Amino acid sequence: MKNITIENFDQEVVAASMNTPVLVDFWAPWCGPCKTIGPILEKLEADYHGRFLLAKINSDEEQELSQAFGIRSIPTCVLMINGKPVDGFQGALPESQLKAFLDKHLPASNDEAIVEEALEPEEEVLSEAEILEKMRLAVTTDPSDEKARFAYLKKALQMGEFAGAKNYFEPVAKMVGLSAPLEAIGRWLDAIDIALAIAEPQQEFTALENLINANKRDFDARFKRAQLLVAHQQFVPAMDELLEILMRNKEWNDGLARKWYVSILEIIEPPKVEVEIGKIPPQDPIVATYRRRLSSVILS
């Protein structure tokens, strides 16, 4: 069991969950139900022999983390896998329900894995290219499925398939004003076009840094740097750069920095996860944090 603060959150929760699922327990010293569920969770962590890690966050002391996860009541538990929240629940559930929740998501123990391997046929493991092709076929089968097209375009650009993405974007390019996801893809494609036209990217980054260091209000340089960061899929640094513009001039260039910021959030937000009635849908902590930062700047 780990006590988590803003300082060790990335290491003990995000990074750790890339190897082992992490159950994050938001609690407070004054919370009666927290005192009930806390010892049960600690017992289950021991009983499950390393199949998950328990991370406890004092919501009173770590309010920034609570806000990032959208915590509205405690106790609230969020399960992190591969750096992302995948499910969660509120309240002091009994041990049987906690086990059912964990078993639904956790990898099987060694003994269980041996039994499952003997009983179940081996599943086909698809390569990234095969997954992308399946997504492309889904768009070809139903060209009107906007979600399928966005998923394909996003995956293609993540994999560097710029030409293929551009071809599948062209038929819907005129719809960007009516669709936030497609508008986000359009901006991503524009950023890549700009980056491809630069012969020496590192020299360009250095030149832009020098301009910004000389004049913090050089919004053109900041904006171009943000575009290049988007082209290289460095989305969080790009949002940081756009925030620097927004904090100094919210309406710069007819709100262009805000529009690009919102498009980046559209790109990096994971697909919505369906949850059972009464459970809270998990939130991506990075998306939640940067939505909150944008709201703080816009409303200030």
Protein backbone atom coordinates (compact mmCIF):
# COMPACT_ATOMS: atom_id res chain seq x y z
CA MET A 1 0.00 0.00 0.00
CA LYS A 2 1.34 3.43 -0.97
CA ASN A 3 0.35 6.87 0.27
CA ILE A 4 0.14 9.09 -2.78
CA THR A 5 0.85 12.82 -3.13
CA ILE A 6 1.04 15.10 -6.16
CA GLU A 7 4.82 14.63 -6.07
CA ASN A 8 4.85 10.83 -6.36
CA PHE A 9 1.59 10.33 -8.32
CA ASP A 10 3.24 9.94 -11.73
CA GLN A 11 5.74 7.38 -10.46
CA GLU A 12 3.64 5.37 -8.00
CA VAL A 13 0.34 5.41 -9.92
CA VAL A 14 0.70 6.24 -13.62
CA ALA A 15 4.07 4.54 -14.21
CA ALA A 16 3.36 1.65 -11.83
CA SER A 17 0.05 0.89 -13.56
CA MET A 18 1.91 0.24 -16.82
CA ASN A 19 3.06 -3.04 -15.24
CA THR A 20 0.52 -3.80 -12.49
CA PRO A 21 -3.05 -2.48 -12.07
CA VAL A 22 -3.27 0.20 -9.37
CA LEU A 23 -6.43 0.70 -7.31
CA VAL A 24 -6.53 4.33 -6.14
CA ASP A 25 -8.53 4.86 -2.93
CA PHE A 26 -9.63 8.46 -2.29
CA TRP A 27 -10.32 8.83 1.44
CA ALA A 28 -10.26 11.33 4.32
CA PRO A 29 -9.59 10.94 8.06
CA TRP A 30 -13.09 12.15 9.02
CA CYS A 31 -14.88 9.74 6.63
CA GLY A 32 -16.58 6.83 8.47
CA PRO A 33 -17.12 4.60 5.38
CA CYS A 34 -13.46 5.17 4.48
CA LYS A 35 -12.45 3.56 7.77
CA THR A 36 -14.61 0.57 6.87
CA ILE A 37 -13.37 -0.06 3.35
CA GLY A 38 -9.71 0.84 3.97
CA PRO A 39 -8.73 -2.28 5.95
CA ILE A 40 -10.65 -4.52 3.52
CA LEU A 41 -8.72 -3.09 0.56
CA GLU A 42 -5.42 -3.59 2.38
CA LYS A 43 -6.40 -7.20 3.14
CA LEU A 44 -7.33 -7.82 -0.50
CA GLU A 45 -4.03 -6.38 -1.71
CA ALA A 46 -2.26 -9.01 0.41
CA ASP A 47 -4.69 -11.79 -0.59
CA TYR A 48 -4.22 -11.09 -4.30
CA HIS A 49 -0.44 -11.57 -4.03
CA GLY A 50 0.70 -8.72 -6.27
CA ARG A 51 -2.08 -8.84 -8.87
CA PHE A 52 -2.87 -5.21 -8.02
CA LEU A 53 -1.34 -2.38 -6.01
CA LEU A 54 -3.25 -0.23 -3.55
CA ALA A 55 -2.64 3.52 -3.61
CA LYS A 56 -4.31 5.77 -1.04
CA ILE A 57 -4.90 9.50 -1.59
CA ASN A 58 -5.99 11.75 1.25
CA SER A 59 -8.52 13.91 -0.62
CA ASP A 60 -8.28 16.71 1.95
CA GLU A 61 -4.53 17.07 1.55
CA GLU A 62 -4.33 16.32 -2.19
CA GLN A 63 -7.17 18.43 -3.54
CA GLU A 64 -5.51 18.91 -6.94
CA LEU A 65 -5.53 15.15 -7.52
CA SER A 66 -9.13 14.90 -6.31
CA GLN A 67 -10.16 17.63 -8.74
CA ALA A 68 -8.24 15.99 -11.58
CA PHE A 69 -10.22 12.78 -11.07
CA GLY A 70 -13.51 14.62 -10.58
CA ILE A 71 -14.02 13.18 -7.09
CA ARG A 72 -17.37 14.29 -5.67
CA SER A 73 -17.75 11.96 -2.68
CA ILE A 74 -15.61 9.57 -0.67
CA PRO A 75 -14.67 6.87 -0.49
CA THR A 76 -14.17 6.66 -4.25
CA CYS A 77 -11.90 4.07 -5.84
CA VAL A 78 -10.50 4.27 -9.37
CA LEU A 79 -8.67 1.40 -11.08
CA MET A 80 -5.70 2.46 -13.23
CA ILE A 81 -4.33 0.15 -15.94
CA ASN A 82 -1.64 1.13 -18.46
CA GLY A 83 -1.64 4.68 -17.14
CA LYS A 84 -5.38 5.19 -17.67
CA PRO A 85 -8.48 4.92 -15.45
CA VAL A 86 -10.60 1.97 -16.61
CA ASP A 87 -13.33 1.70 -13.96
CA GLY A 88 -14.31 2.89 -10.50
CA PHE A 89 -16.90 2.85 -7.76
CA GLN A 90 -18.14 4.91 -4.83
CA GLY A 91 -18.96 3.90 -1.28
CA ALA A 92 -17.84 1.19 1.13
CA LEU A 93 -18.65 -1.97 -0.82
CA PRO A 94 -18.59 -5.33 1.00
CA GLU A 95 -15.64 -7.63 0.41
CA SER A 96 -17.58 -9.91 -1.97
CA GLN A 97 -18.40 -6.98 -4.28
CA LEU A 98 -14.85 -5.69 -4.10
CA LYS A 99 -13.56 -9.09 -5.18
CA ALA A 100 -16.04 -9.19 -8.06
CA PHE A 101 -14.90 -5.73 -9.16
CA LEU A 102 -11.22 -6.71 -9.03
CA ASP A 103 -11.69 -10.09 -10.70
CA LYS A 104 -13.46 -8.42 -13.61
CA HIS A 105 -10.34 -6.42 -14.47
CA LEU A 106 -7.25 -8.07 -13.02
CA PRO A 107 -5.09 -10.56 -14.87
CA ALA A 108 -5.52 -14.13 -13.73
CA SER A 109 -3.18 -15.57 -11.13
CA ASN A 110 -0.61 -18.09 -12.33
CA ASP A 111 -2.78 -21.07 -11.36
CA GLU A 112 -5.85 -19.58 -13.00
CA ALA A 113 -3.88 -18.74 -16.14
CA ILE A 114 -2.75 -22.36 -16.48
CA VAL A 115 -6.33 -23.62 -16.21
CA GLU A 116 -7.65 -21.00 -18.65
CA GLU A 117 -4.90 -21.79 -21.13
CA ALA A 118 -5.87 -25.47 -21.02
CA LEU A 119 -9.60 -24.78 -21.44
CA GLU A 120 -9.66 -21.89 -23.90
CA PRO A 121 -8.45 -21.85 -27.51
CA GLU A 122 -5.51 -19.59 -28.19
CA GLU A 123 -6.66 -16.13 -29.23
CA GLU A 124 -5.25 -14.48 -32.30
CA VAL A 125 -2.99 -11.55 -31.44
CA LEU A 126 -3.27 -8.81 -34.04
CA SER A 127 -0.39 -6.57 -34.98
CA GLU A 128 -0.79 -2.79 -34.97
CA ALA A 129 -0.99 -2.84 -38.77
CA GLU A 130 -3.75 -5.46 -38.68
CA ILE A 131 -5.70 -3.46 -36.11
CA LEU A 132 -5.40 -0.37 -38.29
CA GLU A 133 -6.61 -2.33 -41.33
CA LYS A 134 -9.67 -3.55 -39.39
CA MET A 135 -10.44 0.02 -38.45
CA ARG A 136 -10.04 1.13 -42.06
CA LEU A 137 -12.44 -1.58 -43.23
CA ALA A 138 -14.99 -0.40 -40.68
CA VAL A 139 -14.91 3.05 -42.29
CA THR A 140 -15.15 1.54 -45.78
CA THR A 141 -18.12 -0.57 -44.71
CA ASP A 142 -20.01 2.37 -43.22
CA PRO A 143 -18.61 5.73 -44.41
CA SER A 144 -21.26 7.58 -42.38
CA ASP A 145 -19.95 6.21 -39.06
CA GLU A 146 -18.17 9.29 -37.73
CA LYS A 147 -16.87 7.53 -34.61
CA ALA A 148 -15.29 4.77 -36.69
CA ARG A 149 -13.70 7.31 -39.04
CA PHE A 150 -12.31 9.36 -36.15
CA ALA A 151 -10.92 6.21 -34.50
CA TYR A 152 -9.23 5.15 -37.75
CA LEU A 153 -7.79 8.60 -38.48
CA LYS A 154 -6.48 8.95 -34.93
CA LYS A 155 -4.84 5.50 -35.02
CA ALA A 156 -3.38 6.13 -38.48
CA LEU A 157 -1.78 9.41 -37.41
CA GLN A 158 -0.47 7.87 -34.19
CA MET A 159 1.25 5.24 -36.35
CA GLY A 160 2.63 7.81 -38.81
CA GLU A 161 0.33 6.80 -41.67
CA PHE A 162 -0.06 10.40 -42.81
CA ALA A 163 -0.97 9.77 -46.45
CA GLY A 164 -3.61 7.17 -45.61
CA ALA A 165 -5.16 9.41 -42.98
CA LYS A 166 -5.25 12.34 -45.39
CA ASN A 167 -7.04 10.26 -48.03
CA TYR A 168 -9.73 9.18 -45.58
CA PHE A 169 -10.09 12.69 -44.20
CA GLU A 170 -10.66 14.38 -47.56
CA PRO A 171 -14.26 13.12 -48.05
CA VAL A 172 -15.35 14.67 -44.75
CA ALA A 173 -13.09 17.74 -44.70
CA LYS A 174 -16.05 20.03 -45.42
CA MET A 175 -17.74 18.76 -42.21
CA VAL A 176 -15.06 19.98 -39.80
CA GLY A 177 -17.17 22.91 -38.67
CA LEU A 178 -19.93 20.51 -37.61
CA SER A 179 -17.80 17.90 -35.84
CA ALA A 180 -15.32 18.56 -33.02
CA PRO A 181 -13.49 15.21 -33.56
CA LEU A 182 -13.04 15.84 -37.28
CA GLU A 183 -11.99 19.43 -36.62
CA ALA A 184 -9.32 18.07 -34.25
CA ILE A 185 -8.06 15.66 -36.92
CA GLY A 186 -7.99 18.49 -39.45
CA ARG A 187 -5.80 20.57 -37.14
CA TRP A 188 -3.50 17.60 -36.51
CA LEU A 189 -3.10 17.12 -40.27
CA ASP A 190 -2.39 20.84 -40.71
CA ALA A 191 0.30 20.64 -38.02
CA ILE A 192 1.95 17.70 -39.78
CA ASP A 193 1.86 19.56 -43.11
CA ILE A 194 3.63 22.50 -41.47
CA ALA A 195 6.24 20.24 -39.88
CA LEU A 196 6.94 18.39 -43.13
CA ALA A 197 7.71 21.68 -44.86
CA ILE A 198 10.54 22.41 -42.39
CA ALA A 199 13.93 21.16 -43.56
CA GLU A 200 15.68 21.38 -40.19
CA PRO A 201 13.12 20.78 -37.38
CA GLN A 202 15.60 21.08 -34.51
CA GLN A 203 16.92 24.40 -35.80
CA GLU A 204 13.34 25.64 -36.12
CA PHE A 205 12.56 24.64 -32.51
CA THR A 206 15.70 26.44 -31.33
CA ALA A 207 14.84 29.56 -33.31
CA LEU A 208 11.32 29.64 -31.86
CA GLU A 209 12.68 29.14 -28.32
CA ASN A 210 15.02 32.10 -28.82
CA LEU A 211 12.14 34.29 -30.01
CA ILE A 212 10.01 33.30 -26.99
CA ASN A 213 12.85 33.87 -24.53
CA ALA A 214 13.38 37.33 -26.01
CA ASN A 215 9.68 38.20 -25.86
CA LYS A 216 7.23 36.20 -23.74
CA ARG A 217 4.37 37.79 -25.70
CA ASP A 218 5.57 36.56 -29.09
CA PHE A 219 2.35 34.63 -29.60
CA ASP A 220 3.11 33.77 -33.21
CA ALA A 221 6.28 31.95 -32.14
CA ARG A 222 4.48 30.22 -29.26
CA PHE A 223 1.64 29.13 -31.52
CA LYS A 224 3.96 27.77 -34.21
CA ARG A 225 5.92 25.88 -31.54
CA ALA A 226 2.64 24.38 -30.28
CA GLN A 227 1.77 23.28 -33.82
CA LEU A 228 5.13 21.58 -34.25
CA LEU A 229 4.71 19.84 -30.90
CA VAL A 230 1.31 18.54 -32.06
CA ALA A 231 2.90 17.27 -35.28
CA HIS A 232 5.38 15.29 -33.17
CA GLN A 233 2.57 14.02 -30.87
CA GLN A 234 3.90 15.96 -27.88
CA PHE A 235 0.39 17.01 -26.92
CA VAL A 236 0.88 17.99 -23.27
CA PRO A 237 3.80 20.39 -24.00
CA ALA A 238 1.71 21.82 -26.85
CA MET A 239 -1.16 22.55 -24.45
CA ASP A 240 1.30 24.13 -22.01
CA GLU A 241 2.46 26.47 -24.78
CA LEU A 242 -1.11 27.36 -25.75
CA LEU A 243 -1.92 28.07 -22.08
CA GLU A 244 0.91 30.58 -22.01
CA ILE A 245 -0.85 32.44 -24.82
CA LEU A 246 -4.27 32.20 -23.19
CA MET A 247 -3.01 33.45 -19.83
CA ARG A 248 -1.69 36.58 -21.52
CA ASN A 249 -4.39 37.13 -24.16
CA LYS A 250 -7.47 34.90 -24.20
CA GLU A 251 -8.78 36.39 -27.43
CA TRP A 252 -5.55 36.35 -29.43
CA ASN A 253 -6.14 35.77 -33.14
CA ASP A 254 -9.90 35.26 -32.69
CA GLY A 255 -9.44 32.61 -29.99
CA LEU A 256 -7.13 30.44 -32.12
CA ALA A 257 -5.07 29.19 -29.15
CA ARG A 258 -8.22 28.08 -27.32
CA LYS A 259 -9.57 26.30 -30.41
CA TRP A 260 -6.36 24.32 -30.86
CA TYR A 261 -6.21 23.53 -27.14
CA VAL A 262 -9.74 22.09 -27.24
CA SER A 263 -8.84 20.04 -30.34
CA ILE A 264 -5.84 18.53 -28.55
CA LEU A 265 -8.10 17.48 -25.67
CA GLU A 266 -10.37 15.83 -28.25
CA ILE A 267 -7.39 13.90 -29.65
CA ILE A 268 -5.92 12.68 -26.36
CA GLU A 269 -9.16 11.83 -24.55
CA PRO A 270 -9.61 8.03 -24.40
CA PRO A 271 -12.84 6.46 -25.69
CA LYS A 272 -15.68 6.57 -23.19
CA VAL A 273 -15.92 3.47 -21.02
CA GLU A 274 -19.36 2.01 -20.32
CA VAL A 275 -19.99 1.50 -16.62
CA GLU A 276 -22.78 -0.09 -14.64
CA ILE A 277 -25.57 2.03 -13.24
CA GLY A 278 -24.48 3.68 -10.00
CA LYS A 279 -20.79 3.64 -10.88
CA ILE A 280 -18.76 6.68 -11.88
CA PRO A 281 -17.24 6.70 -15.36
CA PRO A 282 -13.45 6.89 -15.06
CA GLN A 283 -11.73 10.09 -16.11
CA ASP A 284 -8.31 10.42 -17.67
CA PRO A 285 -6.32 12.46 -15.12
CA ILE A 286 -4.37 14.38 -17.78
CA VAL A 287 -7.51 15.35 -19.71
CA ALA A 288 -9.32 16.30 -16.49
CA THR A 289 -6.40 18.42 -15.29
CA TYR A 290 -6.02 20.30 -18.56
CA ARG A 291 -9.77 20.88 -18.90
CA ARG A 292 -9.71 22.40 -15.43
CA ARG A 293 -6.71 24.58 -16.30
CA LEU A 294 -8.44 25.84 -19.43
CA SER A 295 -11.58 26.67 -17.45
CA SER A 296 -9.53 28.53 -14.84
CA VAL A 297 -7.89 30.68 -17.51
CA ILE A 298 -11.06 31.35 -19.50
CA LEU A 299 -13.07 32.28 -16.40
CA SER A 300 -10.36 34.41 -14.81
